[in-house]
Amino acid sequence: MVLTYASPYSPNHTFSLADRIWITWVEQHSNGHLRIHPNWSGALLSSDQSMIELRHGVADIGLITPIYARGGEQLIRTQAGFYDGARTFEQQVAMYRCLADTEPEFARELSGLKVLAIQGGTMPGIVTRTRAVSTLEDLRGLRLRAPSELLGVLRQLGADPVSMPMGEVYSALAKGVLDGVLAPADTLRALHFGEVAKYYWSLEIPRGAYPARAMELRRWLQLSPEDQSLLEQSTAVWETALADQTRAAEKAGQEMGERQGVIFQKATAEDQRQFDALYDRETERSAAALTVYGISGPEIYRHARELSAGIAATGRVQCRVAGAGVPIAP
């Protein structure tokens, strides 16, 4: 049985390297019964409409980015800003699962899809083309690509933030449409940002988790119970590969950036404190705004703060559901 897999990224992108590890695992552990046919570089799925395209069967399995979807997915997009305190990929993924297990709206926003992997990531900094950023004040007037959960924070700092799929950022930087992008250091190599941007400011910006790989539900229901079981087992393989490849790419990206002459600066403790306070206020406001859609945003936000406090105190993500304490590796 051949299943198609689609991604908007090139076959050598960090995410695609993890995808290829997953493909090999599935084919080997199915003894050749399942074959995965990959389609890279946006040949089948786009960056901003991938969930709709996947629901319509453009591919069997695909990379999805609900945090950049242009409609719907209000909760998944907003909750990505609730992860202050989750510093590792594993903590982010475990927090997402705790939140999703106690709030049915997550499943409603993912209707028509079977999620196969959750993705976190390394904490981003601020990459800029020609203007160095060394204080929060330096962000004023800069047109920056940012995740949707950070648009309000950046506006309060005087920046002009925009949301766009990451695959469109390189050309926007090269043309001067953007002054910069909030992104981790791995993008200096994986997305070649080091070619078009010369400064990296290491402000610690929280990073959330979200469903990132999924299968069209009708296709999932056509599989045998044995094939479904195998793909569910593959979730841990895929998420581990994403974590490992992302961490390796972060180190390689900084090294390449240094070779390309990118100048790295670190935010002061005072700027970090100011940013954290602003971030917390804006996140709480965004959570409250979800009530317009009938979503209990404040309750979900309080749950996220409980999980973050648990990480700080014990190094564990302790879900509210019984027996769901998850030990987190350093």
C-alpha atoms as a PDB file:
ATOM      1  CA  MET A   1       0.000   0.000   0.000  1.00  0.00           C
ATOM      2  CA  VAL A   2       1.398   3.371  -1.044  1.00  0.00           C
ATOM      3  CA  LEU A   3       0.578   6.468   1.040  1.00  0.00           C
ATOM      4  CA  THR A   4       1.471   9.915  -0.259  1.00  0.00           C
ATOM      5  CA  TYR A   5       3.239  12.357   2.053  1.00  0.00           C
ATOM      6  CA  ALA A   6       3.449  16.076   1.244  1.00  0.00           C
ATOM      7  CA  SER A   7       5.481  18.941   2.686  1.00  0.00           C
ATOM      8  CA  PRO A   8       6.031  22.552   1.615  1.00  0.00           C
ATOM      9  CA  TYR A   9       9.722  22.187   2.536  1.00  0.00           C
ATOM     10  CA  SER A  10      12.625  20.926   0.452  1.00  0.00           C
ATOM     11  CA  PRO A  11      13.873  17.351   1.028  1.00  0.00           C
ATOM     12  CA  ASN A  12      16.983  18.599   2.866  1.00  0.00           C
ATOM     13  CA  HIS A  13      15.228  20.979   5.246  1.00  0.00           C
ATOM     14  CA  THR A  14      15.506  20.150   8.960  1.00  0.00           C
ATOM     15  CA  PHE A  15      11.860  19.089   9.154  1.00  0.00           C
ATOM     16  CA  SER A  16      12.208  16.960   6.037  1.00  0.00           C
ATOM     17  CA  LEU A  17      15.222  15.123   7.452  1.00  0.00           C
ATOM     18  CA  ALA A  18      13.014  14.097  10.377  1.00  0.00           C
ATOM     19  CA  ASP A  19      10.242  13.160   7.939  1.00  0.00           C
ATOM     20  CA  ARG A  20      12.636  10.910   6.057  1.00  0.00           C
ATOM     21  CA  ILE A  21      13.614   9.121   9.289  1.00  0.00           C
ATOM     22  CA  TRP A  22       9.918   8.496   9.924  1.00  0.00           C
ATOM     23  CA  ILE A  23       9.352   7.241   6.359  1.00  0.00           C
ATOM     24  CA  THR A  24      12.217   4.746   6.683  1.00  0.00           C
ATOM     25  CA  TRP A  25      10.914   3.522  10.060  1.00  0.00           C
ATOM     26  CA  VAL A  26       7.375   2.957   8.762  1.00  0.00           C
ATOM     27  CA  GLU A  27       8.542   1.078   5.690  1.00  0.00           C
ATOM     28  CA  GLN A  28      10.943  -1.107   7.654  1.00  0.00           C
ATOM     29  CA  HIS A  29       8.543  -1.923  10.495  1.00  0.00           C
ATOM     30  CA  SER A  30       5.706  -2.732   8.121  1.00  0.00           C
ATOM     31  CA  ASN A  31       8.022  -5.213   6.368  1.00  0.00           C
ATOM     32  CA  GLY A  32       7.431  -3.360   3.138  1.00  0.00           C
ATOM     33  CA  HIS A  33       3.642  -3.499   3.372  1.00  0.00           C
ATOM     34  CA  LEU A  34       3.394   0.292   3.730  1.00  0.00           C
ATOM     35  CA  ARG A  35       5.308   2.515   1.349  1.00  0.00           C
ATOM     36  CA  ILE A  36       5.440   6.295   1.760  1.00  0.00           C
ATOM     37  CA  HIS A  37       5.773   8.344  -1.427  1.00  0.00           C
ATOM     38  CA  PRO A  38       7.052  11.857  -0.486  1.00  0.00           C
ATOM     39  CA  ASN A  39       6.262  15.068  -2.356  1.00  0.00           C
ATOM     40  CA  TRP A  40       8.537  17.917  -1.272  1.00  0.00           C
ATOM     41  CA  SER A  41       8.842  21.677  -1.855  1.00  0.00           C
ATOM     42  CA  GLY A  42       5.128  22.462  -2.012  1.00  0.00           C
ATOM     43  CA  ALA A  43       4.418  20.168  -4.946  1.00  0.00           C
ATOM     44  CA  LEU A  44       1.108  19.106  -3.336  1.00  0.00           C
ATOM     45  CA  LEU A  45       0.550  21.106  -0.136  1.00  0.00           C
ATOM     46  CA  SER A  46       0.896  24.841   0.429  1.00  0.00           C
ATOM     47  CA  SER A  47       2.115  26.430   3.645  1.00  0.00           C
ATOM     48  CA  ASP A  48      -1.016  28.330   4.626  1.00  0.00           C
ATOM     49  CA  GLN A  49      -3.819  26.104   3.272  1.00  0.00           C
ATOM     50  CA  SER A  50      -2.378  22.678   4.059  1.00  0.00           C
ATOM     51  CA  MET A  51      -5.129  21.664   6.489  1.00  0.00           C
ATOM     52  CA  ILE A  52      -7.875  22.376   3.971  1.00  0.00           C
ATOM     53  CA  GLU A  53      -5.925  20.670   1.192  1.00  0.00           C
ATOM     54  CA  LEU A  54      -5.285  17.600   3.328  1.00  0.00           C
ATOM     55  CA  ARG A  55      -8.959  17.361   4.317  1.00  0.00           C
ATOM     56  CA  HIS A  56      -9.809  17.280   0.608  1.00  0.00           C
ATOM     57  CA  GLY A  57      -7.408  14.397  -0.010  1.00  0.00           C
ATOM     58  CA  VAL A  58      -4.694  16.237  -1.938  1.00  0.00           C
ATOM     59  CA  ALA A  59      -2.291  13.927  -0.067  1.00  0.00           C
ATOM     60  CA  ASP A  60      -2.786  11.091   2.401  1.00  0.00           C
ATOM     61  CA  ILE A  61      -0.407  12.491   5.030  1.00  0.00           C
ATOM     62  CA  GLY A  62       1.043  15.978   5.250  1.00  0.00           C
ATOM     63  CA  LEU A  63       2.851  18.662   7.180  1.00  0.00           C
ATOM     64  CA  ILE A  64       0.293  21.061   8.638  1.00  0.00           C
ATOM     65  CA  THR A  65       0.758  24.474  10.237  1.00  0.00           C
ATOM     66  CA  PRO A  66      -2.465  25.424  12.057  1.00  0.00           C
ATOM     67  CA  ILE A  67      -0.653  28.315  13.750  1.00  0.00           C
ATOM     68  CA  TYR A  68      -0.376  29.997  10.324  1.00  0.00           C
ATOM     69  CA  ALA A  69      -3.790  29.024   8.954  1.00  0.00           C
ATOM     70  CA  ARG A  70      -5.686  32.012   7.565  1.00  0.00           C
ATOM     71  CA  GLY A  71      -9.037  30.995   8.983  1.00  0.00           C
ATOM     72  CA  GLY A  72     -10.321  28.906  11.886  1.00  0.00           C
ATOM     73  CA  GLU A  73      -8.035  27.154  14.369  1.00  0.00           C
ATOM     74  CA  GLN A  74      -8.447  30.081  16.791  1.00  0.00           C
ATOM     75  CA  LEU A  75      -7.488  28.078  19.859  1.00  0.00           C
ATOM     76  CA  ILE A  76      -4.533  26.201  18.369  1.00  0.00           C
ATOM     77  CA  ARG A  77      -3.118  29.440  16.994  1.00  0.00           C
ATOM     78  CA  THR A  78      -3.573  31.353  20.261  1.00  0.00           C
ATOM     79  CA  GLN A  79      -2.449  28.615  22.659  1.00  0.00           C
ATOM     80  CA  ALA A  80       0.985  28.585  21.029  1.00  0.00           C
ATOM     81  CA  GLY A  81       1.648  31.651  23.184  1.00  0.00           C
ATOM     82  CA  PHE A  82       0.896  29.862  26.480  1.00  0.00           C
ATOM     83  CA  TYR A  83       4.230  28.025  26.824  1.00  0.00           C
ATOM     84  CA  ASP A  84       6.345  30.401  28.900  1.00  0.00           C
ATOM     85  CA  GLY A  85       8.411  28.063  31.088  1.00  0.00           C
ATOM     86  CA  ALA A  86       8.573  25.163  28.617  1.00  0.00           C
ATOM     87  CA  ARG A  87      12.174  25.296  27.441  1.00  0.00           C
ATOM     88  CA  THR A  88      12.618  21.988  25.629  1.00  0.00           C
ATOM     89  CA  PHE A  89      10.948  20.291  22.696  1.00  0.00           C
ATOM     90  CA  GLU A  90       9.777  17.487  24.994  1.00  0.00           C
ATOM     91  CA  GLN A  91       8.247  19.871  27.529  1.00  0.00           C
ATOM     92  CA  GLN A  92       6.381  21.738  24.804  1.00  0.00           C
ATOM     93  CA  VAL A  93       4.947  18.557  23.277  1.00  0.00           C
ATOM     94  CA  ALA A  94       3.899  17.187  26.681  1.00  0.00           C
ATOM     95  CA  MET A  95       2.225  20.501  27.566  1.00  0.00           C
ATOM     96  CA  TYR A  96       0.272  20.503  24.310  1.00  0.00           C
ATOM     97  CA  ARG A  97      -1.026  17.008  24.992  1.00  0.00           C
ATOM     98  CA  CYS A  98      -2.106  17.973  28.511  1.00  0.00           C
ATOM     99  CA  LEU A  99      -4.025  20.979  27.209  1.00  0.00           C
ATOM    100  CA  ALA A 100      -5.585  19.080  24.299  1.00  0.00           C
ATOM    101  CA  ASP A 101      -6.674  16.197  26.560  1.00  0.00           C
ATOM    102  CA  THR A 102      -8.764  18.526  28.721  1.00  0.00           C
ATOM    103  CA  GLU A 103     -10.263  20.847  26.069  1.00  0.00           C
ATOM    104  CA  PRO A 104     -12.541  19.406  23.331  1.00  0.00           C
ATOM    105  CA  GLU A 105     -12.083  22.505  21.133  1.00  0.00           C
ATOM    106  CA  PHE A 106      -8.667  21.213  20.040  1.00  0.00           C
ATOM    107  CA  ALA A 107     -10.305  18.159  18.476  1.00  0.00           C
ATOM    108  CA  ARG A 108     -13.029  20.272  16.864  1.00  0.00           C
ATOM    109  CA  GLU A 109     -10.464  22.503  15.172  1.00  0.00           C
ATOM    110  CA  LEU A 110      -8.703  19.373  13.888  1.00  0.00           C
ATOM    111  CA  SER A 111     -11.845  17.716  12.531  1.00  0.00           C
ATOM    112  CA  GLY A 112     -11.275  15.672   9.406  1.00  0.00           C
ATOM    113  CA  LEU A 113      -7.675  14.951  10.383  1.00  0.00           C
ATOM    114  CA  LYS A 114      -5.847  12.244  12.330  1.00  0.00           C
ATOM    115  CA  VAL A 115      -2.854  13.858  14.042  1.00  0.00           C
ATOM    116  CA  LEU A 116       0.340  11.803  13.739  1.00  0.00           C
ATOM    117  CA  ALA A 117       2.892  14.133  15.371  1.00  0.00           C
ATOM    118  CA  ILE A 118       3.091  17.191  17.627  1.00  0.00           C
ATOM    119  CA  GLN A 119       5.968  19.588  17.119  1.00  0.00           C
ATOM    120  CA  GLY A 120       7.728  22.012  19.425  1.00  0.00           C
ATOM    121  CA  GLY A 121      10.966  23.801  18.686  1.00  0.00           C
ATOM    122  CA  THR A 122      13.957  25.761  19.848  1.00  0.00           C
ATOM    123  CA  MET A 123      13.352  29.211  21.268  1.00  0.00           C
ATOM    124  CA  PRO A 124      13.580  31.910  18.587  1.00  0.00           C
ATOM    125  CA  GLY A 125      15.520  35.149  18.574  1.00  0.00           C
ATOM    126  CA  ILE A 126      15.258  38.119  16.224  1.00  0.00           C
ATOM    127  CA  VAL A 127      17.058  38.008  12.867  1.00  0.00           C
ATOM    128  CA  THR A 128      17.431  41.360  11.053  1.00  0.00           C
ATOM    129  CA  ARG A 129      18.759  42.380   7.644  1.00  0.00           C
ATOM    130  CA  THR A 130      20.666  45.634   7.970  1.00  0.00           C
ATOM    131  CA  ARG A 131      19.758  47.111  11.363  1.00  0.00           C
ATOM    132  CA  ALA A 132      21.293  45.645  14.489  1.00  0.00           C
ATOM    133  CA  VAL A 133      18.927  45.165  17.432  1.00  0.00           C
ATOM    134  CA  SER A 134      20.463  45.431  20.884  1.00  0.00           C
ATOM    135  CA  THR A 135      17.532  46.794  22.933  1.00  0.00           C
ATOM    136  CA  LEU A 136      13.750  46.525  22.857  1.00  0.00           C
ATOM    137  CA  GLU A 137      13.638  50.146  21.709  1.00  0.00           C
ATOM    138  CA  ASP A 138      15.502  49.152  18.539  1.00  0.00           C
ATOM    139  CA  LEU A 139      12.470  47.126  17.432  1.00  0.00           C
ATOM    140  CA  ARG A 140      10.463  50.290  16.867  1.00  0.00           C
ATOM    141  CA  GLY A 141       9.520  50.717  13.221  1.00  0.00           C
ATOM    142  CA  LEU A 142      10.865  47.340  12.075  1.00  0.00           C
ATOM    143  CA  ARG A 143       8.654  45.207   9.843  1.00  0.00           C
ATOM    144  CA  LEU A 144       9.048  41.730  11.305  1.00  0.00           C
ATOM    145  CA  ARG A 145       7.586  38.372  10.409  1.00  0.00           C
ATOM    146  CA  ALA A 146       6.366  36.762  13.633  1.00  0.00           C
ATOM    147  CA  PRO A 147       4.109  33.961  14.870  1.00  0.00           C
ATOM    148  CA  SER A 148       0.525  35.099  15.334  1.00  0.00           C
ATOM    149  CA  GLU A 149       0.706  34.829  19.137  1.00  0.00           C
ATOM    150  CA  LEU A 150       3.440  37.511  19.188  1.00  0.00           C
ATOM    151  CA  LEU A 151       1.859  40.095  16.901  1.00  0.00           C
ATOM    152  CA  GLY A 152       0.277  42.040  19.772  1.00  0.00           C
ATOM    153  CA  VAL A 153       3.481  42.056  21.835  1.00  0.00           C
ATOM    154  CA  LEU A 154       5.515  43.423  18.960  1.00  0.00           C
ATOM    155  CA  ARG A 155       2.952  46.111  18.157  1.00  0.00           C
ATOM    156  CA  GLN A 156       3.176  47.335  21.746  1.00  0.00           C
ATOM    157  CA  LEU A 157       6.950  47.577  21.285  1.00  0.00           C
ATOM    158  CA  GLY A 158       6.448  49.781  18.232  1.00  0.00           C
ATOM    159  CA  ALA A 159       7.293  47.170  15.586  1.00  0.00           C
ATOM    160  CA  ASP A 160       5.207  46.443  12.489  1.00  0.00           C
ATOM    161  CA  PRO A 161       4.680  42.661  12.714  1.00  0.00           C
ATOM    162  CA  VAL A 162       3.187  40.474   9.992  1.00  0.00           C
ATOM    163  CA  SER A 163       2.246  36.803   9.870  1.00  0.00           C
ATOM    164  CA  MET A 164       3.315  34.749   6.868  1.00  0.00           C
ATOM    165  CA  PRO A 165       4.433  31.166   6.207  1.00  0.00           C
ATOM    166  CA  MET A 166       8.128  30.670   6.900  1.00  0.00           C
ATOM    167  CA  GLY A 167       8.684  29.445   3.360  1.00  0.00           C
ATOM    168  CA  GLU A 168       7.954  32.959   2.042  1.00  0.00           C
ATOM    169  CA  VAL A 169      10.321  34.800   4.378  1.00  0.00           C
ATOM    170  CA  TYR A 170      13.629  34.425   2.483  1.00  0.00           C
ATOM    171  CA  SER A 171      12.371  36.251  -0.604  1.00  0.00           C
ATOM    172  CA  ALA A 172      10.687  38.913   1.551  1.00  0.00           C
ATOM    173  CA  LEU A 173      13.989  39.537   3.362  1.00  0.00           C
ATOM    174  CA  ALA A 174      15.973  39.553   0.135  1.00  0.00           C
ATOM    175  CA  LYS A 175      13.627  42.138  -1.418  1.00  0.00           C
ATOM    176  CA  GLY A 176      13.512  44.314   1.692  1.00  0.00           C
ATOM    177  CA  VAL A 177       9.791  43.678   2.201  1.00  0.00           C
ATOM    178  CA  LEU A 178      10.737  42.510   5.709  1.00  0.00           C
ATOM    179  CA  ASP A 179      13.340  44.034   8.012  1.00  0.00           C
ATOM    180  CA  GLY A 180      13.588  40.840  10.001  1.00  0.00           C
ATOM    181  CA  VAL A 181      12.018  37.684  11.330  1.00  0.00           C
ATOM    182  CA  LEU A 182      11.520  36.024  14.695  1.00  0.00           C
ATOM    183  CA  ALA A 183      13.230  32.691  14.164  1.00  0.00           C
ATOM    184  CA  PRO A 184      15.660  30.266  15.822  1.00  0.00           C
ATOM    185  CA  ALA A 185      19.293  30.176  14.744  1.00  0.00           C
ATOM    186  CA  ASP A 186      18.812  26.993  12.697  1.00  0.00           C
ATOM    187  CA  THR A 187      17.077  29.088  10.010  1.00  0.00           C
ATOM    188  CA  LEU A 188      20.394  30.787   9.238  1.00  0.00           C
ATOM    189  CA  ARG A 189      21.366  27.495   7.630  1.00  0.00           C
ATOM    190  CA  ALA A 190      18.165  25.566   6.934  1.00  0.00           C
ATOM    191  CA  LEU A 191      16.386  28.504   5.270  1.00  0.00           C
ATOM    192  CA  HIS A 192      19.566  30.370   4.244  1.00  0.00           C
ATOM    193  CA  PHE A 193      18.644  33.490   6.234  1.00  0.00           C
ATOM    194  CA  GLY A 194      22.346  34.084   6.851  1.00  0.00           C
ATOM    195  CA  GLU A 195      22.599  35.070   3.172  1.00  0.00           C
ATOM    196  CA  VAL A 196      20.129  37.939   3.502  1.00  0.00           C
ATOM    197  CA  ALA A 197      20.333  38.965   7.183  1.00  0.00           C
ATOM    198  CA  LYS A 198      23.381  39.972   9.204  1.00  0.00           C
ATOM    199  CA  TYR A 199      22.238  40.346  12.803  1.00  0.00           C
ATOM    200  CA  TYR A 200      20.818  37.949  15.426  1.00  0.00           C
ATOM    201  CA  TRP A 201      19.520  39.178  18.788  1.00  0.00           C
ATOM    202  CA  SER A 202      19.138  36.410  21.367  1.00  0.00           C
ATOM    203  CA  LEU A 203      16.023  37.561  23.175  1.00  0.00           C
ATOM    204  CA  GLU A 204      14.406  34.478  24.742  1.00  0.00           C
ATOM    205  CA  ILE A 205      10.958  34.185  23.190  1.00  0.00           C
ATOM    206  CA  PRO A 206       8.711  31.322  24.372  1.00  0.00           C
ATOM    207  CA  ARG A 207       7.894  28.694  21.788  1.00  0.00           C
ATOM    208  CA  GLY A 208       4.687  26.680  21.729  1.00  0.00           C
ATOM    209  CA  ALA A 209       3.786  23.264  20.364  1.00  0.00           C
ATOM    210  CA  TYR A 210       1.140  22.434  17.773  1.00  0.00           C
ATOM    211  CA  PRO A 211      -0.080  19.515  15.630  1.00  0.00           C
ATOM    212  CA  ALA A 212       2.364  19.372  12.735  1.00  0.00           C
ATOM    213  CA  ARG A 213       1.829  16.083  10.880  1.00  0.00           C
ATOM    214  CA  ALA A 214      -1.567  14.613  10.109  1.00  0.00           C
ATOM    215  CA  MET A 215      -3.469  12.167   7.925  1.00  0.00           C
ATOM    216  CA  GLU A 216      -6.742  12.748   6.122  1.00  0.00           C
ATOM    217  CA  LEU A 217      -9.332  11.097   8.396  1.00  0.00           C
ATOM    218  CA  ARG A 218     -11.243   9.212   5.725  1.00  0.00           C
ATOM    219  CA  ARG A 219      -8.001   7.688   4.486  1.00  0.00           C
ATOM    220  CA  TRP A 220      -7.084   6.769   8.064  1.00  0.00           C
ATOM    221  CA  LEU A 221     -10.385   4.948   8.534  1.00  0.00           C
ATOM    222  CA  GLN A 222      -9.696   2.894   5.397  1.00  0.00           C
ATOM    223  CA  LEU A 223      -6.550   1.407   6.949  1.00  0.00           C
ATOM    224  CA  SER A 224      -6.518  -1.934   8.674  1.00  0.00           C
ATOM    225  CA  PRO A 225      -6.272  -1.959  12.498  1.00  0.00           C
ATOM    226  CA  GLU A 226      -2.712  -3.302  12.114  1.00  0.00           C
ATOM    227  CA  ASP A 227      -1.673  -0.397   9.878  1.00  0.00           C
ATOM    228  CA  GLN A 228      -3.340   2.113  12.187  1.00  0.00           C
ATOM    229  CA  SER A 229      -1.503   0.628  15.155  1.00  0.00           C
ATOM    230  CA  LEU A 230       1.830   0.866  13.352  1.00  0.00           C
ATOM    231  CA  LEU A 231       1.295   4.524  12.436  1.00  0.00           C
ATOM    232  CA  GLU A 232       0.310   5.334  16.003  1.00  0.00           C
ATOM    233  CA  GLN A 233       3.524   3.694  17.201  1.00  0.00           C
ATOM    234  CA  SER A 234       5.419   5.812  14.679  1.00  0.00           C
ATOM    235  CA  THR A 235       4.313   9.030  16.409  1.00  0.00           C
ATOM    236  CA  ALA A 236       7.050   8.715  19.058  1.00  0.00           C
ATOM    237  CA  VAL A 237       9.628   8.026  16.324  1.00  0.00           C
ATOM    238  CA  TRP A 238       8.557  11.094  14.355  1.00  0.00           C
ATOM    239  CA  GLU A 239       8.522  13.428  17.359  1.00  0.00           C
ATOM    240  CA  THR A 240      11.936  12.205  18.539  1.00  0.00           C
ATOM    241  CA  ALA A 241      13.357  12.714  15.049  1.00  0.00           C
ATOM    242  CA  LEU A 242      11.938  16.240  14.924  1.00  0.00           C
ATOM    243  CA  ALA A 243      13.467  17.061  18.311  1.00  0.00           C
ATOM    244  CA  ASP A 244      16.871  15.583  17.446  1.00  0.00           C
ATOM    245  CA  GLN A 245      17.066  17.194  14.014  1.00  0.00           C
ATOM    246  CA  THR A 246      15.940  20.567  15.352  1.00  0.00           C
ATOM    247  CA  ARG A 247      18.566  20.603  18.112  1.00  0.00           C
ATOM    248  CA  ALA A 248      21.310  19.600  15.687  1.00  0.00           C
ATOM    249  CA  ALA A 249      20.171  22.257  13.223  1.00  0.00           C
ATOM    250  CA  GLU A 250      20.256  24.954  15.914  1.00  0.00           C
ATOM    251  CA  LYS A 251      23.932  24.324  16.563  1.00  0.00           C
ATOM    252  CA  ALA A 252      24.777  24.035  12.857  1.00  0.00           C
ATOM    253  CA  GLY A 253      22.817  27.209  12.087  1.00  0.00           C
ATOM    254  CA  GLN A 254      24.733  29.298  14.595  1.00  0.00           C
ATOM    255  CA  GLU A 255      28.040  27.950  13.316  1.00  0.00           C
ATOM    256  CA  MET A 256      27.126  28.746   9.724  1.00  0.00           C
ATOM    257  CA  GLY A 257      25.870  32.191  10.696  1.00  0.00           C
ATOM    258  CA  GLU A 258      29.192  32.957  12.347  1.00  0.00           C
ATOM    259  CA  ARG A 259      31.044  31.856   9.206  1.00  0.00           C
ATOM    260  CA  GLN A 260      28.808  34.096   7.104  1.00  0.00           C
ATOM    261  CA  GLY A 261      29.512  37.090   9.312  1.00  0.00           C
ATOM    262  CA  VAL A 262      26.213  37.226  11.185  1.00  0.00           C
ATOM    263  CA  ILE A 263      26.688  39.262  14.371  1.00  0.00           C
ATOM    264  CA  PHE A 264      25.162  37.685  17.487  1.00  0.00           C
ATOM    265  CA  GLN A 265      24.136  39.770  20.496  1.00  0.00           C
ATOM    266  CA  LYS A 266      22.335  38.754  23.689  1.00  0.00           C
ATOM    267  CA  ALA A 267      19.512  40.684  25.310  1.00  0.00           C
ATOM    268  CA  THR A 268      20.218  42.254  28.688  1.00  0.00           C
ATOM    269  CA  ALA A 269      18.530  40.868  31.786  1.00  0.00           C
ATOM    270  CA  GLU A 270      16.431  44.045  32.059  1.00  0.00           C
ATOM    271  CA  ASP A 271      15.202  43.839  28.464  1.00  0.00           C
ATOM    272  CA  GLN A 272      14.355  40.167  29.004  1.00  0.00           C
ATOM    273  CA  ARG A 273      12.356  41.012  32.146  1.00  0.00           C
ATOM    274  CA  GLN A 274      10.455  43.769  30.343  1.00  0.00           C
ATOM    275  CA  PHE A 275       9.694  41.489  27.413  1.00  0.00           C
ATOM    276  CA  ASP A 276       8.537  38.641  29.688  1.00  0.00           C
ATOM    277  CA  ALA A 277       6.150  40.933  31.573  1.00  0.00           C
ATOM    278  CA  LEU A 278       4.699  42.311  28.326  1.00  0.00           C
ATOM    279  CA  TYR A 279       4.444  38.811  26.880  1.00  0.00           C
ATOM    280  CA  ASP A 280       2.510  37.531  29.909  1.00  0.00           C
ATOM    281  CA  ARG A 281       0.043  40.450  29.802  1.00  0.00           C
ATOM    282  CA  GLU A 282      -0.552  40.062  26.072  1.00  0.00           C
ATOM    283  CA  THR A 283      -0.979  36.300  26.328  1.00  0.00           C
ATOM    284  CA  GLU A 284      -3.578  36.669  29.063  1.00  0.00           C
ATOM    285  CA  ARG A 285      -5.434  39.228  26.914  1.00  0.00           C
ATOM    286  CA  SER A 286      -5.345  36.878  23.915  1.00  0.00           C
ATOM    287  CA  ALA A 287      -6.703  34.046  26.038  1.00  0.00           C
ATOM    288  CA  ALA A 288      -9.608  36.231  27.190  1.00  0.00           C
ATOM    289  CA  ALA A 289     -10.364  37.177  23.563  1.00  0.00           C
ATOM    290  CA  LEU A 290     -11.093  33.514  22.771  1.00  0.00           C
ATOM    291  CA  THR A 291     -14.370  33.764  24.690  1.00  0.00           C
ATOM    292  CA  VAL A 292     -15.817  35.563  21.649  1.00  0.00           C
ATOM    293  CA  TYR A 293     -15.641  32.194  19.863  1.00  0.00           C
ATOM    294  CA  GLY A 294     -17.165  30.284  22.780  1.00  0.00           C
ATOM    295  CA  ILE A 295     -13.742  28.953  23.831  1.00  0.00           C
ATOM    296  CA  SER A 296     -12.735  28.933  27.507  1.00  0.00           C
ATOM    297  CA  GLY A 297      -9.448  30.711  26.835  1.00  0.00           C
ATOM    298  CA  PRO A 298      -8.793  31.994  30.377  1.00  0.00           C
ATOM    299  CA  GLU A 299      -9.246  28.502  31.852  1.00  0.00           C
ATOM    300  CA  ILE A 300      -6.899  26.962  29.256  1.00  0.00           C
ATOM    301  CA  TYR A 301      -4.366  29.714  29.959  1.00  0.00           C
ATOM    302  CA  ARG A 302      -4.538  29.051  33.720  1.00  0.00           C
ATOM    303  CA  HIS A 303      -3.996  25.360  33.038  1.00  0.00           C
ATOM    304  CA  ALA A 304      -0.912  26.222  30.966  1.00  0.00           C
ATOM    305  CA  ARG A 305       0.451  28.377  33.802  1.00  0.00           C
ATOM    306  CA  GLU A 306      -0.037  25.454  36.229  1.00  0.00           C
ATOM    307  CA  LEU A 307       1.915  23.188  33.880  1.00  0.00           C
ATOM    308  CA  SER A 308       4.718  25.740  33.566  1.00  0.00           C
ATOM    309  CA  ALA A 309       4.913  26.109  37.336  1.00  0.00           C
ATOM    310  CA  GLY A 310       5.154  22.331  37.629  1.00  0.00           C
ATOM    311  CA  ILE A 311       8.062  22.263  35.193  1.00  0.00           C
ATOM    312  CA  ALA A 312       9.881  24.942  37.190  1.00  0.00           C
ATOM    313  CA  ALA A 313       9.303  23.104  40.480  1.00  0.00           C
ATOM    314  CA  THR A 314       9.783  19.455  39.536  1.00  0.00           C
ATOM    315  CA  GLY A 315      11.008  19.200  35.943  1.00  0.00           C
ATOM    316  CA  ARG A 316       7.783  17.347  35.135  1.00  0.00           C
ATOM    317  CA  VAL A 317       4.706  18.093  33.069  1.00  0.00           C
ATOM    318  CA  GLN A 318       1.866  17.051  35.366  1.00  0.00           C
ATOM    319  CA  CYS A 319      -1.445  16.794  33.511  1.00  0.00           C
ATOM    320  CA  ARG A 320      -4.771  17.211  35.265  1.00  0.00           C
ATOM    321  CA  VAL A 321      -5.986  13.868  33.927  1.00  0.00           C
ATOM    322  CA  ALA A 322      -5.316  10.941  36.260  1.00  0.00           C
ATOM    323  CA  GLY A 323      -1.989   9.195  35.981  1.00  0.00           C
ATOM    324  CA  ALA A 324      -0.592  11.516  33.344  1.00  0.00           C
ATOM    325  CA  GLY A 325       2.551  12.805  35.044  1.00  0.00           C
ATOM    326  CA  VAL A 326       5.243  12.863  32.383  1.00  0.00           C
ATOM    327  CA  PRO A 327       8.915  13.005  33.403  1.00  0.00           C
ATOM    328  CA  ILE A 328      10.836  15.388  31.197  1.00  0.00           C
ATOM    329  CA  ALA A 329      14.425  14.845  30.138  1.00  0.00           C
ATOM    330  CA  PRO A 330      16.803  17.776  30.686  1.00  0.00           C
END
